[in-house]
PDB file of N, CA and C in Angstrom:
ATOM      1  N   MET A   1      28.818  -7.599   1.124  1.00  0.00           N
ATOM      2  CA  MET A   1      27.598  -6.311   0.970  1.00  0.00           C
ATOM      3  C   MET A   1      26.726  -6.363  -0.173  1.00  0.00           C
ATOM      4  N   VAL A   2      25.433  -5.785  -0.124  1.00  0.00           N
ATOM      5  CA  VAL A   2      24.320  -5.946  -0.867  1.00  0.00           C
ATOM      6  C   VAL A   2      24.564  -5.013  -2.173  1.00  0.00           C
ATOM      7  N   GLY A   3      24.417  -5.518  -3.543  1.00  0.00           N
ATOM      8  CA  GLY A   3      24.591  -4.686  -4.114  1.00  0.00           C
ATOM      9  C   GLY A   3      23.166  -3.697  -4.671  1.00  0.00           C
ATOM     10  N   GLY A   4      24.027  -2.423  -4.814  1.00  0.00           N
ATOM     11  CA  GLY A   4      22.666  -1.493  -4.832  1.00  0.00           C
ATOM     12  C   GLY A   4      21.326  -1.515  -5.813  1.00  0.00           C
ATOM     13  N   SER A   5      21.669  -2.325  -6.982  1.00  0.00           N
ATOM     14  CA  SER A   5      20.430  -2.914  -7.977  1.00  0.00           C
ATOM     15  C   SER A   5      19.129  -3.655  -6.869  1.00  0.00           C
ATOM     16  N   SER A   6      19.924  -4.386  -5.935  1.00  0.00           N
ATOM     17  CA  SER A   6      18.976  -5.394  -5.280  1.00  0.00           C
ATOM     18  C   SER A   6      18.316  -4.763  -4.222  1.00  0.00           C
ATOM     19  N   HIS A   7      18.710  -3.513  -3.909  1.00  0.00           N
ATOM     20  CA  HIS A   7      17.862  -2.975  -2.660  1.00  0.00           C
ATOM     21  C   HIS A   7      16.193  -2.577  -2.893  1.00  0.00           C
ATOM     22  N   PRO A   8      16.040  -2.085  -4.354  1.00  0.00           N
ATOM     23  CA  PRO A   8      14.886  -1.780  -4.767  1.00  0.00           C
ATOM     24  C   PRO A   8      13.699  -3.634  -4.659  1.00  0.00           C
ATOM     25  N   SER A   9      14.510  -4.488  -4.935  1.00  0.00           N
ATOM     26  CA  SER A   9      13.908  -5.914  -4.931  1.00  0.00           C
ATOM     27  C   SER A   9      13.778  -6.328  -3.624  1.00  0.00           C
ATOM     28  N   ILE A  10      14.451  -6.071  -2.651  1.00  0.00           N
ATOM     29  CA  ILE A  10      14.405  -6.466  -1.454  1.00  0.00           C
ATOM     30  C   ILE A  10      13.265  -6.041  -0.738  1.00  0.00           C
ATOM     31  N   THR A  11      13.184  -4.307  -1.103  1.00  0.00           N
ATOM     32  CA  THR A  11      12.082  -3.546  -0.430  1.00  0.00           C
ATOM     33  C   THR A  11      10.542  -4.068  -0.796  1.00  0.00           C
ATOM     34  N   MET A  12      10.592  -4.077  -2.193  1.00  0.00           N
ATOM     35  CA  MET A  12       9.601  -4.790  -2.781  1.00  0.00           C
ATOM     36  C   MET A  12       9.225  -5.920  -2.418  1.00  0.00           C
ATOM     37  N   GLY A  13       9.738  -7.046  -1.970  1.00  0.00           N
ATOM     38  CA  GLY A  13       9.788  -8.042  -1.963  1.00  0.00           C
ATOM     39  C   GLY A  13       9.038  -8.526  -0.223  1.00  0.00           C
ATOM     40  N   LEU A  14       9.896  -7.480   0.775  1.00  0.00           N
ATOM     41  CA  LEU A  14       9.378  -7.241   1.931  1.00  0.00           C
ATOM     42  C   LEU A  14       7.800  -6.615   1.744  1.00  0.00           C
ATOM     43  N   ILE A  15       7.429  -5.673   1.443  1.00  0.00           N
ATOM     44  CA  ILE A  15       6.357  -4.821   1.439  1.00  0.00           C
ATOM     45  C   ILE A  15       4.920  -5.790   0.678  1.00  0.00           C
ATOM     46  N   CYS A  16       5.493  -6.665  -0.335  1.00  0.00           N
ATOM     47  CA  CYS A  16       4.237  -7.433  -0.901  1.00  0.00           C
ATOM     48  C   CYS A  16       4.115  -8.942   0.126  1.00  0.00           C
ATOM     49  N   THR A  17       5.348  -9.173   0.998  1.00  0.00           N
ATOM     50  CA  THR A  17       5.025 -10.361   1.439  1.00  0.00           C
ATOM     51  C   THR A  17       4.154  -9.678   2.793  1.00  0.00           C
ATOM     52  N   ALA A  18       4.948  -8.763   3.224  1.00  0.00           N
ATOM     53  CA  ALA A  18       3.791  -8.488   4.596  1.00  0.00           C
ATOM     54  C   ALA A  18       2.829  -8.117   4.263  1.00  0.00           C
ATOM     55  N   GLY A  19       2.255  -7.352   3.247  1.00  0.00           N
ATOM     56  CA  GLY A  19       0.896  -7.092   2.729  1.00  0.00           C
ATOM     57  C   GLY A  19      -0.065  -8.400   2.474  1.00  0.00           C
ATOM     58  N   GLY A  20       0.764  -9.189   2.003  1.00  0.00           N
ATOM     59  CA  GLY A  20      -0.246 -10.702   1.740  1.00  0.00           C
ATOM     60  C   GLY A  20      -0.515 -11.412   3.255  1.00  0.00           C
ATOM     61  N   ILE A  21       0.299 -10.957   4.103  1.00  0.00           N
ATOM     62  CA  ILE A  21       0.127 -11.885   5.298  1.00  0.00           C
ATOM     63  C   ILE A  21      -0.568 -10.843   6.054  1.00  0.00           C
ATOM     64  N   ALA A  22      -0.578  -9.327   5.668  1.00  0.00           N
ATOM     65  CA  ALA A  22      -1.570  -8.853   6.671  1.00  0.00           C
ATOM     66  C   ALA A  22      -3.256  -9.011   5.920  1.00  0.00           C
ATOM     67  N   GLY A  23      -2.785  -9.050   4.913  1.00  0.00           N
ATOM     68  CA  GLY A  23      -4.491  -9.077   4.019  1.00  0.00           C
ATOM     69  C   GLY A  23      -4.799 -10.326   4.372  1.00  0.00           C
ATOM     70  N   TYR A  24      -4.298 -11.201   4.596  1.00  0.00           N
ATOM     71  CA  TYR A  24      -4.498 -12.755   5.056  1.00  0.00           C
ATOM     72  C   TYR A  24      -5.078 -12.854   6.667  1.00  0.00           C
ATOM     73  N   ARG A  25      -4.244 -11.897   7.192  1.00  0.00           N
ATOM     74  CA  ARG A  25      -4.910 -12.306   8.810  1.00  0.00           C
ATOM     75  C   ARG A  25      -5.763 -10.785   9.197  1.00  0.00           C
ATOM     76  N   ARG A  26      -6.496  -9.937   8.185  1.00  0.00           N
ATOM     77  CA  ARG A  26      -7.182  -9.167   8.288  1.00  0.00           C
ATOM     78  C   ARG A  26      -8.850  -9.700   7.819  1.00  0.00           C
ATOM     79  N   THR A  27      -8.676 -10.321   6.789  1.00  0.00           N
ATOM     80  CA  THR A  27      -9.799 -10.845   6.111  1.00  0.00           C
ATOM     81  C   THR A  27      -9.838 -12.381   5.403  1.00  0.00           C
ATOM     82  N   ALA A  28      -8.907 -12.814   6.202  1.00  0.00           N
ATOM     83  CA  ALA A  28      -8.839 -14.319   6.052  1.00  0.00           C
ATOM     84  C   ALA A  28      -9.091 -14.292   4.046  1.00  0.00           C
ATOM     85  N   SER A  29      -8.352 -14.074   3.898  1.00  0.00           N
ATOM     86  CA  SER A  29      -8.061 -13.620   2.021  1.00  0.00           C
ATOM     87  C   SER A  29      -6.727 -14.285   1.792  1.00  0.00           C
ATOM     88  N   VAL A  30      -7.225 -15.656   1.278  1.00  0.00           N
ATOM     89  CA  VAL A  30      -5.924 -16.448   0.685  1.00  0.00           C
ATOM     90  C   VAL A  30      -5.265 -16.003  -0.408  1.00  0.00           C
ATOM     91  N   PRO A  31      -6.340 -15.332  -1.637  1.00  0.00           N
ATOM     92  CA  PRO A  31      -5.753 -15.197  -2.814  1.00  0.00           C
ATOM     93  C   PRO A  31      -4.607 -13.978  -2.261  1.00  0.00           C
ATOM     94  N   SER A  32      -4.834 -12.779  -1.001  1.00  0.00           N
ATOM     95  CA  SER A  32      -3.949 -11.853  -0.628  1.00  0.00           C
ATOM     96  C   SER A  32      -2.897 -12.686  -0.428  1.00  0.00           C
ATOM     97  N   LEU A  33      -2.967 -13.601   0.753  1.00  0.00           N
ATOM     98  CA  LEU A  33      -1.785 -14.202   0.808  1.00  0.00           C
ATOM     99  C   LEU A  33      -0.910 -15.038  -0.223  1.00  0.00           C
ATOM    100  N   VAL A  34      -1.295 -15.715  -1.268  1.00  0.00           N
ATOM    101  CA  VAL A  34      -0.737 -16.075  -1.711  1.00  0.00           C
ATOM    102  C   VAL A  34       0.056 -15.160  -3.101  1.00  0.00           C
ATOM    103  N   GLY A  35      -1.197 -14.292  -3.476  1.00  0.00           N
ATOM    104  CA  GLY A  35      -0.143 -13.083  -4.435  1.00  0.00           C
ATOM    105  C   GLY A  35       1.161 -12.466  -3.760  1.00  0.00           C
ATOM    106  N   GLY A  36       0.637 -11.878  -2.591  1.00  0.00           N
ATOM    107  CA  GLY A  36       1.735 -11.153  -1.780  1.00  0.00           C
ATOM    108  C   GLY A  36       3.224 -12.279  -1.559  1.00  0.00           C
ATOM    109  N   VAL A  37       2.464 -13.292  -0.834  1.00  0.00           N
ATOM    110  CA  VAL A  37       4.268 -13.950  -0.926  1.00  0.00           C
ATOM    111  C   VAL A  37       4.668 -14.531  -2.242  1.00  0.00           C
ATOM    112  N   GLY A  38       3.693 -14.782  -3.465  1.00  0.00           N
ATOM    113  CA  GLY A  38       4.234 -15.224  -4.314  1.00  0.00           C
ATOM    114  C   GLY A  38       5.215 -14.459  -4.899  1.00  0.00           C
ATOM    115  N   ILE A  39       4.332 -13.460  -5.156  1.00  0.00           N
ATOM    116  CA  ILE A  39       5.155 -11.758  -5.697  1.00  0.00           C
ATOM    117  C   ILE A  39       6.421 -11.347  -4.839  1.00  0.00           C
ATOM    118  N   GLY A  40       5.926 -11.545  -3.556  1.00  0.00           N
ATOM    119  CA  GLY A  40       7.203 -11.344  -2.870  1.00  0.00           C
ATOM    120  C   GLY A  40       8.268 -12.136  -2.907  1.00  0.00           C
ATOM    121  N   ALA A  41       8.242 -13.509  -3.303  1.00  0.00           N
ATOM    122  CA  ALA A  41       8.917 -14.289  -3.465  1.00  0.00           C
ATOM    123  C   ALA A  41      10.071 -14.406  -4.756  1.00  0.00           C
ATOM    124  N   VAL A  42       9.162 -13.883  -5.838  1.00  0.00           N
ATOM    125  CA  VAL A  42       9.878 -13.755  -7.239  1.00  0.00           C
ATOM    126  C   VAL A  42      11.051 -12.454  -6.804  1.00  0.00           C
ATOM    127  N   TYR A  43      10.018 -11.308  -5.972  1.00  0.00           N
ATOM    128  CA  TYR A  43      11.323 -10.013  -5.763  1.00  0.00           C
ATOM    129  C   TYR A  43      12.132 -10.641  -5.095  1.00  0.00           C
ATOM    130  N   GLY A  44      12.195 -11.270  -3.988  1.00  0.00           N
ATOM    131  CA  GLY A  44      13.489 -12.119  -3.312  1.00  0.00           C
ATOM    132  C   GLY A  44      13.997 -12.728  -4.394  1.00  0.00           C
ATOM    133  N   THR A  45      13.882 -13.711  -5.154  1.00  0.00           N
ATOM    134  CA  THR A  45      14.777 -14.468  -5.783  1.00  0.00           C
ATOM    135  C   THR A  45      15.724 -13.576  -7.038  1.00  0.00           C
ATOM    136  N   ALA A  46      14.760 -12.262  -7.449  1.00  0.00           N
ATOM    137  CA  ALA A  46      15.809 -11.423  -8.252  1.00  0.00           C
ATOM    138  C   ALA A  46      16.422 -10.708  -7.239  1.00  0.00           C
ATOM    139  N   ALA A  47      16.322 -10.464  -6.069  1.00  0.00           N
ATOM    140  CA  ALA A  47      17.401  -9.780  -5.507  1.00  0.00           C
ATOM    141  C   ALA A  47      18.510 -10.526  -4.916  1.00  0.00           C
ATOM    142  N   TYR A  48      18.268 -12.039  -4.876  1.00  0.00           N
ATOM    143  CA  TYR A  48      19.298 -12.503  -4.772  1.00  0.00           C
ATOM    144  C   TYR A  48      20.116 -12.791  -6.114  1.00  0.00           C
ATOM    145  N   LEU A  49      19.756 -13.150  -7.187  1.00  0.00           N
ATOM    146  CA  LEU A  49      20.439 -13.035  -8.400  1.00  0.00           C
ATOM    147  C   LEU A  49      21.136 -11.730  -8.507  1.00  0.00           C
ATOM    148  N   VAL A  50      20.585 -10.506  -8.740  1.00  0.00           N
ATOM    149  CA  VAL A  50      21.457  -9.297  -8.820  1.00  0.00           C
ATOM    150  C   VAL A  50      22.337  -9.182  -7.513  1.00  0.00           C
ATOM    151  N   TRP A  51      22.159  -9.557  -6.361  1.00  0.00           N
ATOM    152  CA  TRP A  51      23.117  -9.340  -5.525  1.00  0.00           C
ATOM    153  C   TRP A  51      24.463 -10.464  -5.975  1.00  0.00           C
ATOM    154  N   HIS A  52      24.150 -11.373  -6.487  1.00  0.00           N
ATOM    155  CA  HIS A  52      25.266 -12.443  -6.807  1.00  0.00           C
ATOM    156  C   HIS A  52      25.868 -12.059  -8.199  1.00  0.00           C
ATOM    157  N   ASN A  53      25.276 -11.669  -8.731  1.00  0.00           N
ATOM    158  CA  ASN A  53      25.504 -11.213 -10.366  1.00  0.00           C
ATOM    159  C   ASN A  53      25.376 -12.043 -11.295  1.00  0.00           C
ATOM    160  N   LYS A  54      24.251 -12.527 -10.933  1.00  0.00           N
ATOM    161  CA  LYS A  54      23.909 -13.750 -11.736  1.00  0.00           C
ATOM    162  C   LYS A  54      23.189 -13.570 -13.022  1.00  0.00           C
ATOM    163  N   ASP A  55      22.653 -13.911 -13.973  1.00  0.00           N
ATOM    164  CA  ASP A  55      21.973 -14.476 -15.043  1.00  0.00           C
ATOM    165  C   ASP A  55      20.659 -13.648 -14.574  1.00  0.00           C
ATOM    166  N   TYR A  56      19.531 -12.538 -15.542  1.00  0.00           N
ATOM    167  CA  TYR A  56      18.420 -12.487 -15.446  1.00  0.00           C
ATOM    168  C   TYR A  56      17.892 -12.072 -13.849  1.00  0.00           C
ATOM    169  N   GLY A  57      18.695 -11.266 -13.428  1.00  0.00           N
ATOM    170  CA  GLY A  57      18.091 -11.192 -11.885  1.00  0.00           C
ATOM    171  C   GLY A  57      17.183  -9.980 -12.070  1.00  0.00           C
ATOM    172  N   HIS A  58      17.707  -8.628 -13.231  1.00  0.00           N
ATOM    173  CA  HIS A  58      16.818  -7.290 -13.605  1.00  0.00           C
ATOM    174  C   HIS A  58      15.729  -7.921 -14.202  1.00  0.00           C
ATOM    175  N   GLU A  59      15.981  -8.849 -15.106  1.00  0.00           N
ATOM    176  CA  GLU A  59      14.728  -9.327 -15.926  1.00  0.00           C
ATOM    177  C   GLU A  59      13.792  -9.741 -14.734  1.00  0.00           C
ATOM    178  N   THR A  60      14.236 -10.632 -14.040  1.00  0.00           N
ATOM    179  CA  THR A  60      13.303 -11.305 -12.928  1.00  0.00           C
ATOM    180  C   THR A  60      12.328  -9.898 -12.337  1.00  0.00           C
ATOM    181  N   ALA A  61      13.091  -9.038 -11.557  1.00  0.00           N
ATOM    182  CA  ALA A  61      12.734  -8.128 -11.170  1.00  0.00           C
ATOM    183  C   ALA A  61      11.734  -7.222 -11.809  1.00  0.00           C
ATOM    184  N   LEU A  62      12.006  -7.020 -13.261  1.00  0.00           N
ATOM    185  CA  LEU A  62      10.982  -6.545 -14.140  1.00  0.00           C
ATOM    186  C   LEU A  62       9.456  -7.634 -14.144  1.00  0.00           C
ATOM    187  N   ALA A  63       9.866  -8.720 -14.623  1.00  0.00           N
ATOM    188  CA  ALA A  63       8.463  -9.672 -14.568  1.00  0.00           C
ATOM    189  C   ALA A  63       7.726  -9.301 -13.125  1.00  0.00           C
ATOM    190  N   ALA A  64       8.339  -9.786 -12.445  1.00  0.00           N
ATOM    191  CA  ALA A  64       7.560  -9.146 -10.658  1.00  0.00           C
ATOM    192  C   ALA A  64       6.976  -7.917 -10.953  1.00  0.00           C
ATOM    193  N   SER A  65       7.346  -6.870 -11.017  1.00  0.00           N
ATOM    194  CA  SER A  65       7.246  -5.781 -11.294  1.00  0.00           C
ATOM    195  C   SER A  65       5.666  -5.415 -12.232  1.00  0.00           C
ATOM    196  N   LEU A  66       5.725  -6.172 -13.381  1.00  0.00           N
ATOM    197  CA  LEU A  66       5.132  -6.125 -13.918  1.00  0.00           C
ATOM    198  C   LEU A  66       3.733  -7.142 -13.813  1.00  0.00           C
ATOM    199  N   LEU A  67       3.733  -7.856 -12.936  1.00  0.00           N
ATOM    200  CA  LEU A  67       3.045  -8.743 -12.257  1.00  0.00           C
ATOM    201  C   LEU A  67       2.185  -8.262 -11.215  1.00  0.00           C
ATOM    202  N   LEU A  68       2.944  -7.471 -10.609  1.00  0.00           N
ATOM    203  CA  LEU A  68       2.010  -6.587  -9.551  1.00  0.00           C
ATOM    204  C   LEU A  68       1.286  -5.630 -10.273  1.00  0.00           C
ATOM    205  N   ALA A  69       2.168  -4.502 -11.437  1.00  0.00           N
ATOM    206  CA  ALA A  69       1.200  -3.914 -11.642  1.00  0.00           C
ATOM    207  C   ALA A  69       0.186  -4.096 -12.251  1.00  0.00           C
ATOM    208  N   GLY A  70       0.117  -5.359 -13.079  1.00  0.00           N
ATOM    209  CA  GLY A  70      -1.132  -5.900 -13.787  1.00  0.00           C
ATOM    210  C   GLY A  70      -2.630  -5.732 -12.681  1.00  0.00           C
ATOM    211  N   GLY A  71      -1.949  -6.456 -11.411  1.00  0.00           N
ATOM    212  CA  GLY A  71      -2.923  -7.027 -10.769  1.00  0.00           C
ATOM    213  C   GLY A  71      -3.447  -5.532  -9.611  1.00  0.00           C
ATOM    214  N   MET A  72      -2.760  -4.469  -9.463  1.00  0.00           N
ATOM    215  CA  MET A  72      -3.010  -3.560  -8.743  1.00  0.00           C
ATOM    216  C   MET A  72      -3.741  -2.278  -9.391  1.00  0.00           C
ATOM    217  N   VAL A  73      -2.912  -2.179 -10.991  1.00  0.00           N
ATOM    218  CA  VAL A  73      -3.458  -0.824 -11.710  1.00  0.00           C
ATOM    219  C   VAL A  73      -4.965  -0.854 -11.470  1.00  0.00           C
ATOM    220  N   PRO A  74      -5.502  -2.168 -12.063  1.00  0.00           N
ATOM    221  CA  PRO A  74      -6.835  -1.923 -12.356  1.00  0.00           C
ATOM    222  C   PRO A  74      -7.663  -2.153 -11.174  1.00  0.00           C
ATOM    223  N   ARG A  75      -7.087  -2.335  -9.954  1.00  0.00           N
ATOM    224  CA  ARG A  75      -7.988  -1.794  -9.046  1.00  0.00           C
ATOM    225  C   ARG A  75      -7.952  -0.673  -8.288  1.00  0.00           C
ATOM    226  N   ALA A  76      -6.469  -0.171  -8.675  1.00  0.00           N
ATOM    227  CA  ALA A  76      -6.409   1.072  -8.363  1.00  0.00           C
ATOM    228  C   ALA A  76      -7.358   2.354  -9.189  1.00  0.00           C
ATOM    229  N   VAL A  77      -7.442   1.978 -10.615  1.00  0.00           N
ATOM    230  CA  VAL A  77      -8.056   2.433 -11.469  1.00  0.00           C
ATOM    231  C   VAL A  77      -9.846   2.377 -10.851  1.00  0.00           C
ATOM    232  N   LYS A  78     -10.116   1.421 -10.609  1.00  0.00           N
ATOM    233  CA  LYS A  78     -11.661   0.911 -10.509  1.00  0.00           C
ATOM    234  C   LYS A  78     -11.729   1.480  -9.226  1.00  0.00           C
ATOM    235  N   SER A  79     -11.149   1.840  -8.520  1.00  0.00           N
ATOM    236  CA  SER A  79     -11.509   2.650  -6.986  1.00  0.00           C
ATOM    237  C   SER A  79     -11.417   3.945  -7.340  1.00  0.00           C
ATOM    238  N   GLU A  80     -10.892   4.235  -8.320  1.00  0.00           N
ATOM    239  CA  GLU A  80     -10.612   5.858  -8.810  1.00  0.00           C
ATOM    240  C   GLU A  80      -9.373   6.299  -7.493  1.00  0.00           C
ATOM    241  N   PHE A  81      -8.346   5.309  -7.362  1.00  0.00           N
ATOM    242  CA  PHE A  81      -7.441   5.732  -6.622  1.00  0.00           C
ATOM    243  C   PHE A  81      -7.928   6.155  -5.097  1.00  0.00           C
ATOM    244  N   LYS A  82      -8.802   5.733  -4.622  1.00  0.00           N
ATOM    245  CA  LYS A  82      -9.447   6.061  -3.235  1.00  0.00           C
ATOM    246  C   LYS A  82      -9.118   5.387  -2.529  1.00  0.00           C
ATOM    247  N   LYS A  83      -8.869   3.995  -2.830  1.00  0.00           N
ATOM    248  CA  LYS A  83      -8.155   2.748  -2.055  1.00  0.00           C
ATOM    249  C   LYS A  83      -6.286   2.878  -1.783  1.00  0.00           C
ATOM    250  N   PRO A  84      -6.196   3.216  -0.657  1.00  0.00           N
ATOM    251  CA  PRO A  84      -4.801   3.269  -0.683  1.00  0.00           C
ATOM    252  C   PRO A  84      -3.550   2.601  -0.971  1.00  0.00           C
ATOM    253  N   VAL A  85      -4.114   0.947  -0.547  1.00  0.00           N
ATOM    254  CA  VAL A  85      -3.240  -0.118  -0.983  1.00  0.00           C
ATOM    255  C   VAL A  85      -3.046  -0.554  -2.591  1.00  0.00           C
ATOM    256  N   PRO A  86      -4.017  -0.582  -3.283  1.00  0.00           N
ATOM    257  CA  PRO A  86      -3.770  -0.813  -5.024  1.00  0.00           C
ATOM    258  C   PRO A  86      -3.175   0.739  -5.352  1.00  0.00           C
ATOM    259  N   ALA A  87      -3.471   1.592  -4.918  1.00  0.00           N
ATOM    260  CA  ALA A  87      -2.661   3.028  -5.366  1.00  0.00           C
ATOM    261  C   ALA A  87      -1.395   2.845  -5.106  1.00  0.00           C
ATOM    262  N   VAL A  88      -0.948   2.907  -3.673  1.00  0.00           N
ATOM    263  CA  VAL A  88       0.471   2.487  -3.790  1.00  0.00           C
ATOM    264  C   VAL A  88       1.706   1.506  -4.566  1.00  0.00           C
ATOM    265  N   LEU A  89       0.757   0.371  -4.088  1.00  0.00           N
ATOM    266  CA  LEU A  89       1.278  -0.506  -4.912  1.00  0.00           C
ATOM    267  C   LEU A  89       1.503  -0.419  -6.471  1.00  0.00           C
ATOM    268  N   SER A  90       0.394   0.206  -6.829  1.00  0.00           N
ATOM    269  CA  SER A  90       0.234   0.791  -8.428  1.00  0.00           C
ATOM    270  C   SER A  90       1.807   1.197  -8.731  1.00  0.00           C
ATOM    271  N   VAL A  91       1.861   2.399  -7.797  1.00  0.00           N
ATOM    272  CA  VAL A  91       3.069   3.543  -7.977  1.00  0.00           C
ATOM    273  C   VAL A  91       4.076   2.887  -7.775  1.00  0.00           C
ATOM    274  N   LEU A  92       4.279   2.375  -6.597  1.00  0.00           N
ATOM    275  CA  LEU A  92       5.632   1.527  -6.189  1.00  0.00           C
ATOM    276  C   LEU A  92       6.202   0.370  -7.441  1.00  0.00           C
ATOM    277  N   SER A  93       4.981  -0.314  -8.395  1.00  0.00           N
ATOM    278  CA  SER A  93       5.649  -1.409  -8.942  1.00  0.00           C
ATOM    279  C   SER A  93       6.190  -0.614 -10.084  1.00  0.00           C
ATOM    280  N   ILE A  94       5.171   0.045 -10.685  1.00  0.00           N
ATOM    281  CA  ILE A  94       5.718   1.110 -11.915  1.00  0.00           C
ATOM    282  C   ILE A  94       6.993   1.709 -11.759  1.00  0.00           C
ATOM    283  N   ALA A  95       7.462   2.242 -10.542  1.00  0.00           N
ATOM    284  CA  ALA A  95       8.484   2.767 -10.429  1.00  0.00           C
ATOM    285  C   ALA A  95       9.501   2.031 -10.220  1.00  0.00           C
ATOM    286  N   ALA A  96       9.332   0.763  -9.573  1.00  0.00           N
ATOM    287  CA  ALA A  96      10.363  -0.489  -9.936  1.00  0.00           C
ATOM    288  C   ALA A  96      10.396  -1.408 -10.800  1.00  0.00           C
ATOM    289  N   GLY A  97       9.522  -1.355 -12.037  1.00  0.00           N
ATOM    290  CA  GLY A  97       9.628  -1.736 -12.880  1.00  0.00           C
ATOM    291  C   GLY A  97      10.357  -0.926 -13.880  1.00  0.00           C
ATOM    292  N   SER A  98      10.443   0.439 -14.135  1.00  0.00           N
ATOM    293  CA  SER A  98      10.827   1.529 -14.944  1.00  0.00           C
ATOM    294  C   SER A  98      12.382   1.425 -14.674  1.00  0.00           C
ATOM    295  N   TYR A  99      12.619   1.574 -13.053  1.00  0.00           N
ATOM    296  CA  TYR A  99      14.346   1.459 -12.640  1.00  0.00           C
ATOM    297  C   TYR A  99      14.714  -0.006 -13.214  1.00  0.00           C
ATOM    298  N   TYR A 100      14.029  -1.029 -13.145  1.00  0.00           N
ATOM    299  CA  TYR A 100      14.741  -2.135 -13.504  1.00  0.00           C
ATOM    300  C   TYR A 100      14.375  -2.758 -15.060  1.00  0.00           C
ATOM    301  N   ALA A 101      13.683  -1.740 -15.752  1.00  0.00           N
ATOM    302  CA  ALA A 101      13.935  -1.538 -17.585  1.00  0.00           C
ATOM    303  C   ALA A 101      15.143  -0.835 -17.751  1.00  0.00           C
ATOM    304  N   TYR A 102      15.348   0.394 -16.861  1.00  0.00           N
ATOM    305  CA  TYR A 102      16.165   1.112 -17.495  1.00  0.00           C
ATOM    306  C   TYR A 102      17.779   0.546 -17.091  1.00  0.00           C
ATOM    307  N   LYS A 103      17.665  -0.567 -16.126  1.00  0.00           N
ATOM    308  CA  LYS A 103      18.970  -1.231 -15.832  1.00  0.00           C
ATOM    309  C   LYS A 103      19.255  -2.280 -17.014  1.00  0.00           C
ATOM    310  N   ILE A 104      18.248  -2.888 -17.389  1.00  0.00           N
ATOM    311  CA  ILE A 104      18.120  -4.003 -18.175  1.00  0.00           C
ATOM    312  C   ILE A 104      18.720  -3.042 -19.470  1.00  0.00           C
ATOM    313  N   TYR A 105      18.394  -2.016 -19.908  1.00  0.00           N
ATOM    314  CA  TYR A 105      18.882  -1.449 -20.944  1.00  0.00           C
ATOM    315  C   TYR A 105      20.066  -0.905 -20.965  1.00  0.00           C
ATOM    316  N   GLN A 106      20.205  -0.446 -19.740  1.00  0.00           N
ATOM    317  CA  GLN A 106      22.102   0.180 -19.474  1.00  0.00           C
ATOM    318  C   GLN A 106      22.831  -1.014 -19.814  1.00  0.00           C
ATOM    319  N   TYR A 107      22.079  -2.141 -19.698  1.00  0.00           N
ATOM    320  CA  TYR A 107      23.939  -3.553 -19.503  1.00  0.00           C
ATOM    321  C   TYR A 107      23.604  -3.888 -20.981  1.00  0.00           C
ATOM    322  N   ARG A 108      22.938  -3.506 -21.722  1.00  0.00           N
ATOM    323  CA  ARG A 108      22.578  -4.376 -23.061  1.00  0.00           C
ATOM    324  C   ARG A 108      23.670  -3.383 -24.192  1.00  0.00           C
TER     325      ARG A 108
END
């Protein structure tokens, strides 16, 4: 059974990977592919670590959230939140990051 704390990482990993592939297919954007699949892989690694109760799972998920927010929040602000993809990914990354920061605090 999948641990409850790994669900956000699994979801974010799938969203990022699918988004990176979709961005590449739509505009042939290699940075979208590399970024989306890369961040998705980090979230997937975090989900694996959390699920198997290994060390640094929550910290890995927090790092992935910070990386994603670092890339998406400036884009969302620049577009004045009119472009839906950066706006939604900004909100999701901040929410996931907040959740994992809370989990890290809770376990310390």
